Protein backbone atom coordinates (compact mmCIF):
# COMPACT_ATOMS: atom_id res chain seq x y z
CA MET A 1 27.56 6.46 11.20
CA ASN A 2 24.37 5.23 9.45
CA GLY A 3 21.36 7.20 9.85
CA THR A 4 20.61 10.86 9.92
CA LEU A 5 21.80 13.09 12.86
CA LEU A 6 19.68 16.11 13.60
CA HIS A 7 20.73 18.41 16.43
CA VAL A 8 18.24 20.14 18.41
CA ALA A 9 18.61 23.57 20.42
CA ALA A 10 15.46 25.61 22.12
CA ALA A 11 15.04 28.26 23.52
CA PRO A 12 11.81 30.31 25.46
CA PHE A 13 11.26 33.90 24.71
CA GLU A 14 8.12 36.27 26.06
CA ALA A 15 6.23 38.52 23.98
CA ALA A 16 3.11 40.32 23.35
CA VAL A 17 1.24 39.46 20.32
CA SER A 18 -2.12 40.11 18.39
CA VAL A 19 -3.38 38.07 15.17
CA PRO A 20 -5.24 40.37 13.07
CA VAL A 21 -6.16 37.74 9.96
CA LEU A 22 -8.08 36.00 12.74
CA PRO A 23 -12.06 36.50 12.56
CA GLN A 24 -13.77 39.65 14.40
CA GLY A 25 -14.45 38.53 17.72
CA HIS A 26 -11.70 35.81 18.00
CA ARG A 27 -9.73 35.92 21.24
CA SER A 28 -6.13 36.02 19.64
CA ARG A 29 -7.07 39.22 17.46
CA ARG A 30 -6.74 41.00 21.04
CA LEU A 31 -3.68 42.46 22.30
CA HIS A 32 -2.04 39.43 24.37
CA GLY A 33 0.91 37.44 25.74
CA HIS A 34 2.39 33.85 25.44
CA SER A 35 5.58 32.06 26.85
CA PHE A 36 6.72 30.82 23.56
CA LEU A 37 9.13 28.23 22.87
CA ALA A 38 11.20 28.34 19.81
CA ALA A 39 13.36 24.88 18.35
CA VAL A 40 15.53 24.17 15.74
CA ARG A 41 16.65 20.87 13.69
CA SER A 42 19.80 21.55 12.37
CA ARG A 43 22.70 19.13 10.51
CA ASP A 44 25.28 21.95 12.00
CA GLY A 45 25.08 21.33 15.97
CA ALA A 46 27.92 23.99 16.70
CA ALA A 47 26.68 26.44 19.21
CA LEU A 48 23.09 25.78 18.06
CA GLY A 49 21.64 26.87 21.10
CA GLU A 50 23.70 30.14 21.14
CA ARG A 51 22.89 30.61 17.64
CA LEU A 52 19.11 30.75 18.65
CA ARG A 53 19.10 32.81 21.60
CA GLU A 54 20.73 35.25 19.15
CA ALA A 55 18.43 35.28 16.79
CA LEU A 56 15.09 35.80 19.25
CA VAL A 57 17.00 38.80 20.97
CA PRO A 58 14.54 40.91 18.75
CA LEU A 59 11.51 39.27 19.84
CA ASP A 60 12.30 38.65 23.48
CA TYR A 61 9.81 40.84 25.63
CA GLY A 62 8.37 43.13 22.49
CA TYR A 63 5.41 43.23 20.79
CA LEU A 64 5.67 40.82 17.84
CA ASN A 65 3.70 42.98 15.12
CA GLU A 66 6.43 45.13 15.08
CA CYS A 67 8.56 42.74 13.69
CA ILE A 68 6.14 40.46 11.92
CA THR A 69 3.04 41.91 10.26
CA VAL A 70 0.90 38.76 10.84
CA PRO A 71 2.63 37.31 13.53
CA THR A 72 0.69 33.66 13.90
CA ASP A 73 2.92 31.22 15.27
CA GLU A 74 3.73 29.74 11.22
CA ASN A 75 4.89 33.19 10.40
CA ILE A 76 6.94 33.64 13.70
CA ALA A 77 8.75 30.21 13.05
CA ARG A 78 9.64 31.60 8.97
CA TRP A 79 10.58 34.54 10.50
CA ILE A 80 13.23 32.79 12.89
CA ARG A 81 14.34 30.66 10.23
CA GLU A 82 15.38 33.86 8.04
CA ALA A 83 17.23 35.46 10.74
CA LEU A 84 19.18 32.48 11.24
CA ALA A 85 19.54 32.01 7.60
CA GLU A 86 21.41 28.65 7.79
CA PRO A 87 21.06 26.12 4.91
CA ALA A 88 21.75 23.02 7.60
CA ILE A 89 18.27 23.89 9.53
CA GLU A 90 15.72 21.22 8.94
CA THR A 91 12.86 22.56 10.68
CA VAL A 92 11.97 25.70 12.98
CA SER A 93 9.24 25.06 15.44
CA VAL A 94 7.23 27.42 17.87
CA GLN A 95 5.22 26.35 20.48
CA SER A 96 3.11 29.63 21.78
CA THR A 97 1.93 27.56 24.63
CA ARG A 98 2.38 23.97 25.86
CA HIS A 99 -0.53 22.58 24.22
CA GLN A 100 -0.27 23.71 20.39
CA GLY A 101 2.49 24.44 18.44
CA VAL A 102 3.93 24.44 14.77
CA ASP A 103 6.65 22.90 12.77
CA ILE A 104 7.67 24.62 9.26
CA ASP A 105 10.53 23.23 7.09
CA ARG A 106 12.43 24.87 4.47
CA ALA A 107 9.68 24.08 1.72
CA ASN A 108 7.03 26.19 4.17
CA HIS A 109 5.10 22.66 4.42
CA ALA A 110 3.80 22.93 7.76
CA HIS A 111 3.09 20.44 10.98
CA LEU A 112 0.76 21.94 13.53
CA TRP A 113 -0.39 19.74 16.39
CA ARG A 114 -2.66 20.26 19.51
CA ARG A 115 -2.61 18.60 22.71
CA PHE A 116 -5.56 17.34 25.08
CA ARG A 117 -6.12 15.14 28.04
CA PHE A 118 -8.67 13.24 29.67
CA GLU A 119 -9.10 11.02 32.52
CA ALA A 120 -10.11 7.36 31.65
CA ALA A 121 -9.86 3.79 33.94
CA HIS A 122 -8.90 0.47 31.42
CA ARG A 123 -7.34 -2.82 31.84
CA LEU A 124 -6.14 -4.98 28.57
CA PRO A 125 -7.74 -7.80 28.39
CA CYS A 126 -5.52 -10.17 26.51
CA VAL A 127 -2.14 -9.76 28.33
CA ALA A 128 -0.72 -12.63 29.85
CA PRO A 129 -1.65 -13.56 33.12
CA GLY A 130 -0.22 -11.51 35.93
CA HIS A 131 0.56 -8.70 33.69
CA PRO A 132 -0.06 -5.52 35.75
CA CYS A 133 -1.80 -4.18 32.67
CA GLY A 134 -4.61 -6.79 32.84
CA ARG A 135 -5.78 -5.42 36.17
CA MET A 136 -8.23 -2.60 36.31
CA HIS A 137 -6.41 0.76 36.56
CA GLY A 138 -6.16 4.32 35.37
CA HIS A 139 -4.16 6.97 33.38
CA GLY A 140 -4.10 10.56 32.87
CA PHE A 141 -4.15 10.13 28.94
CA GLU A 142 -2.94 12.67 26.51
CA VAL A 143 -3.58 13.23 22.91
CA ILE A 144 -1.76 14.85 20.22
CA LEU A 145 -3.70 15.79 17.06
CA HIS A 146 -1.14 16.60 13.96
CA VAL A 147 -1.94 18.24 11.06
CA ASN A 148 0.18 18.70 7.66
CA GLN A 149 -0.01 21.48 5.44
CA ASP A 150 1.68 22.94 2.44
CA LEU A 151 0.89 26.90 3.15
CA ALA A 152 3.19 28.21 0.63
CA ALA A 153 2.74 31.97 1.45
CA ALA A 154 -0.15 31.71 3.46
CA ASP A 155 -0.21 33.12 7.13
CA MET A 156 -1.59 30.06 8.56
CA GLY A 157 -2.71 26.58 8.66
CA ILE A 158 -6.08 25.48 10.64
CA ASP A 159 -6.88 27.25 13.71
CA PHE A 160 -5.89 25.83 16.76
CA ASP A 161 -9.72 26.22 18.08
CA ARG A 162 -11.07 23.97 15.10
CA LEU A 163 -8.94 21.16 16.36
CA GLY A 164 -10.23 22.08 19.89
CA GLU A 165 -14.07 21.75 18.43
CA LEU A 166 -13.24 18.58 16.44
CA TRP A 167 -11.68 16.85 19.76
CA GLN A 168 -14.98 17.87 22.16
CA PRO A 169 -17.11 15.08 21.28
CA LEU A 170 -14.25 12.52 21.60
CA HIS A 171 -13.48 13.85 24.79
CA ALA A 172 -17.31 13.75 26.14
CA THR A 173 -16.59 10.28 25.63
CA LEU A 174 -13.45 8.93 26.62
CA HIS A 175 -13.07 11.58 29.67
CA LEU A 176 -14.39 9.97 33.05
CA ALA A 177 -15.13 6.36 31.49
CA CYS A 178 -13.98 3.14 31.66
CA LEU A 179 -12.56 2.75 28.17
CA ASN A 180 -13.47 -0.92 28.17
CA ASP A 181 -17.08 0.35 28.01
CA ILE A 182 -16.48 1.95 24.76
CA ALA A 183 -17.72 0.43 21.67
CA GLY A 184 -14.56 -0.16 19.27
CA LEU A 185 -12.43 -0.15 22.79
CA GLU A 186 -12.63 -3.29 24.26
CA ASN A 187 -9.16 -3.78 23.82
CA PRO A 188 -8.12 -0.37 24.57
CA THR A 189 -4.26 -0.26 24.22
CA SER A 190 -2.46 2.99 23.05
CA GLU A 191 -2.43 1.29 19.42
CA MET A 192 -6.52 0.96 19.57
CA LEU A 193 -7.15 4.19 21.44
CA ALA A 194 -4.86 5.93 18.62
CA CYS A 195 -6.88 3.67 15.80
CA TRP A 196 -10.11 4.63 16.90
CA ILE A 197 -9.58 8.41 17.26
CA TRP A 198 -8.31 8.30 14.23
CA LYS A 199 -11.66 6.71 12.41
CA ARG A 200 -13.54 9.30 13.76
CA LEU A 201 -11.53 12.58 12.84
CA ARG A 202 -9.99 11.41 9.78
CA GLU A 203 -13.22 11.90 7.66
CA VAL A 204 -14.06 15.31 9.12
CA LEU A 205 -10.45 16.50 9.39
CA PRO A 206 -8.78 15.31 5.86
CA GLU A 207 -5.68 17.56 7.00
CA LEU A 208 -4.99 14.96 10.01
CA SER A 209 -1.62 13.24 9.78
CA TRP A 210 -1.04 11.45 12.74
CA VAL A 211 -2.83 11.06 16.45
CA THR A 212 -0.35 10.46 19.10
CA VAL A 213 -1.45 9.00 22.57
CA TYR A 214 0.19 9.05 25.68
CA GLU A 215 -0.56 6.57 28.07
CA THR A 216 1.87 7.45 30.56
CA VAL A 217 4.36 10.59 30.14
CA THR A 218 6.90 8.20 29.52
CA ALA A 219 5.68 6.27 27.20
CA GLY A 220 3.24 6.74 23.64
CA CYS A 221 2.04 5.63 20.22
CA HIS A 222 1.69 7.32 16.94
CA TYR A 223 -0.57 6.01 14.11
CA ASP A 224 -0.91 7.69 10.81
CA GLY A 225 -3.80 5.42 9.47
CA ARG A 226 -1.48 2.88 8.08
CA HIS A 227 1.47 2.41 10.49
CA PHE A 228 1.86 2.44 14.14
CA ARG A 229 5.71 3.90 15.84
CA ILE A 230 5.96 3.54 19.88
CA TRP A 231 8.61 5.24 22.17
CA LYS A 232 9.79 4.89 25.44
CA GLU A 233 11.18 7.13 27.64
CA GLN A 234 14.08 6.56 29.82
CA ARG A 235 16.26 8.70 32.29
CA PHE A 236 19.81 8.48 33.51
CA GLU A 237 21.91 10.54 36.05
CA SER A 238 25.63 10.80 34.60
CA ALA A 239 29.15 12.42 34.61
CA VAL A 240 30.64 13.34 31.24
CA ARG A 241 34.09 15.24 30.09
CA LEU A 242 33.93 16.76 26.62
CA GLY A 243 37.49 16.35 25.50
CA ASN A 244 36.69 17.42 22.01
CA ALA A 245 34.97 20.77 22.94
CA ALA A 246 36.92 23.99 21.92
CA PRO A 247 39.70 25.40 24.28
CA GLY A 248 38.24 27.15 27.16
CA ASP A 249 34.69 25.57 26.97
CA ALA A 250 33.69 24.69 30.47
CA ARG A 251 32.40 21.06 29.49
CA ARG A 252 35.78 20.55 29.11
CA ARG A 253 35.50 19.96 32.80
CA LEU A 254 34.03 17.23 34.25
CA HIS A 255 30.47 17.70 34.94
CA GLY A 256 26.95 16.19 34.93
CA HIS A 257 23.72 15.82 33.57
CA SER A 258 19.98 14.28 33.96
CA TYR A 259 20.19 12.95 30.34
CA ILE A 260 16.72 11.87 28.60
CA THR A 261 16.42 9.36 26.07
CA ARG A 262 13.42 8.26 23.93
CA LEU A 263 13.28 4.74 21.90
CA HIS A 264 11.22 4.85 18.88
CA LEU A 265 10.12 1.45 17.18
CA SER A 266 7.92 0.59 14.13
CA ALA A 267 6.36 -2.54 13.97
CA PRO A 268 3.41 -4.15 12.46
CA LEU A 269 0.71 -4.52 14.84
CA ASP A 270 -0.27 -7.81 17.10
CA ALA A 271 -3.89 -8.26 16.11
CA MET A 272 -4.31 -10.50 19.18
CA ARG A 273 -3.03 -8.27 21.81
CA GLY A 274 -3.68 -5.07 19.88
CA TRP A 275 -0.12 -3.78 20.28
CA THR A 276 2.70 -3.28 18.65
CA ILE A 277 5.38 -4.19 21.43
CA ASP A 278 5.15 -3.97 24.95
CA TYR A 279 6.22 -0.98 26.50
CA GLY A 280 7.57 -3.51 29.37
CA GLU A 281 9.35 -5.61 26.92
CA VAL A 282 11.21 -2.26 25.41
CA ARG A 283 12.09 -1.54 28.87
CA GLU A 284 13.72 -4.76 29.79
CA ALA A 285 15.63 -4.60 26.21
CA PHE A 286 16.84 -1.50 27.34
CA THR A 287 18.05 -2.36 31.04
CA PRO A 288 21.84 -3.52 30.30
CA VAL A 289 22.55 -0.65 28.65
CA PHE A 290 20.76 1.82 31.14
CA ARG A 291 22.87 0.30 33.78
CA GLU A 292 25.96 0.83 32.28
CA LEU A 293 24.86 4.72 31.77
CA ASP A 294 23.45 5.33 34.97
CA HIS A 295 25.40 6.81 37.82
CA HIS A 296 28.35 6.62 35.90
CA ALA A 297 30.91 8.72 34.01
CA LEU A 298 30.06 8.35 30.35
CA ASN A 299 33.88 8.47 29.04
CA GLU A 300 34.92 5.57 30.96
CA SER A 301 31.56 3.38 30.68
CA THR A 302 30.77 4.09 26.94
CA GLY A 303 34.58 4.41 25.92
CA THR A 304 33.49 7.45 24.01
CA ASP A 305 34.06 11.06 23.72
CA GLY A 306 30.65 11.81 25.39
CA ASP A 307 29.39 14.27 23.10
CA LEU A 308 25.83 13.24 22.24
CA PRO A 309 26.29 11.77 18.58
CA ALA A 310 28.78 9.45 20.15
CA LEU A 311 26.78 8.36 22.80
CA LEU A 312 24.01 7.95 20.45
CA GLY A 313 25.73 5.61 18.09
CA TRP A 314 27.17 3.77 21.12
CA MET A 315 23.71 3.48 22.36
CA ARG A 316 22.39 2.28 18.84
CA GLU A 317 24.94 -0.60 19.11
CA ARG A 318 23.78 -1.82 22.08
CA VAL A 319 20.25 -1.64 22.13
CA ALA A 320 19.50 -2.38 18.43
CA PRO A 321 20.19 -6.16 18.13
CA ALA A 322 18.04 -6.50 21.15
CA LEU A 323 14.95 -4.32 19.57
CA PRO A 324 14.80 -4.90 15.83
CA ALA A 325 12.13 -2.36 15.35
CA LEU A 326 14.26 0.27 16.27
CA ASP A 327 14.71 2.84 14.27
CA ARG A 328 15.13 6.20 16.38
CA ILE A 329 17.03 7.31 19.16
CA ASP A 330 16.27 10.98 21.05
CA LEU A 331 19.32 12.03 23.60
CA TYR A 332 18.99 15.50 25.85
CA ALA A 333 21.74 16.03 27.90
CA THR A 334 19.37 19.36 28.96
CA PRO A 335 15.55 20.24 28.22
CA HIS A 336 17.16 22.69 25.46
CA SER A 337 19.82 20.79 24.28
CA GLY A 338 19.67 17.28 22.32
CA ALA A 339 20.09 15.37 19.44
CA ILE A 340 18.32 12.91 17.04
CA LEU A 341 19.77 9.25 15.21
CA HIS A 342 17.18 8.18 12.82
CA TRP A 343 17.94 5.39 10.09
CA GLY A 344 13.87 4.88 9.35
CA GLU A 345 11.36 7.06 9.17
CA GLU A 346 11.71 10.31 11.55
CA GLY A 347 8.11 10.00 12.42
CA PRO A 348 6.17 13.38 13.69
CA ALA A 349 7.73 15.69 16.49
CA LEU A 350 7.00 15.41 20.37
CA PRO A 351 6.43 18.34 21.85
CA GLY A 352 7.87 18.77 25.74
CA GLN A 353 11.78 18.45 25.89
CA ALA A 354 11.98 19.43 22.37
CA PRO A 355 10.14 19.12 19.14
């Protein structure tokens, strides 16, 4: 299979923490607690979720300062990486809340992110007649600001609260507004909105690496100042039997999942329409494949063993000819178990199902 295959596993843990390196008066210096989510991406998928859950046992329902002297999200991720001690692991991620987290790679390069939300109306004036997005409508938009930093041995990168401070003036402009009325957003596609945000933050936040805009919960756009990447998410309900699982593994029995897949595409901007590819065109191109997957027994409909790598390869063969800009597919059987196949840029992590 051409491309890079990464296995993904995630597991939650509950813990108390205080962060002594923060300035006096900072709320996170006080003893508090989080419902953390840890996740790993690895080239080795064998029992990955089990290995992660076992590594988290000393942290779950514990006081993190007893295990980690300075328990920032960055140091927690490092601790988990050391506890796993596996060379196949590419990144370890820690979400301390639904809205913020960090990914650490083996070179201590950190990707931090924080999510924000605003409610707004818009219409797309450059679409074809009859296109639903040409009508005035609205969304609960979500925006993720991504920051990349080489931390070396530093305990933490930029404070999440700093990202919140920088976001506030933009929130005041965008929230409860009609985006078409804002200068620079006369054609407020996801791509144009991501670019608009980038231009207003990059000068004051030079570490900014990506801006992500969720137009809906299933579609969105990334922008890094030069390139646009979009994704479209689909769900399908299917039965499967993993015949290649170890003897005694319950997954050898016929069972089923609510699968989630994300198609990622990189394409140049269409200057006239203000987007790269219409999300509707992506959905339409995937529809014939969706019909082969949804409410079927996957071993029969795909002719594969039904495991995630095999399904990803099958999906790529079916979808890529119709979507030349496609360069990555994510597939999750459960919210904590998935795989990624990419043959272009991997792109930034998306929080939610897994990083």
